Amino acid sequence: MHSTFLLMVGAAVFGASMAIAQSATEPVAPRKPHFLARFDAQFRNADKDGDGALTREEAENAGLRNISDNFDRLDTNKDGKVTPDEIRALLRSRISS
């Protein structure tokens, strides 16, 4: 009776450890930090023509003051539009310096 109980406990522990090991190796979809998800939503809402970039006017109309106030610095290729990549590049340069 005692050995049966020990065998059951051992099997339960082994099964649980296998389940933990399996779940640890399964890929988990990366979650976007809350502030990035919010930024993406604000950017999409401000992008009225849906081209994936903001003009100065779109940024001003959406109340994205940080973008409109720094538009010339953000628009690195000087095409009159700011893309999320241009914004991220400026943020990365500020963080790394």
Foldseek 3Di string as FASTA:
>chain_A
DVVVVVVVVVVVVVVVVVVVVVVVPDDDPDDDPPVVVVVVVLQCVLPVVRPQWHALVSCVVSVVCVCNVCVVQLPVVPPRTHHPVSVVVVVVVVVVD
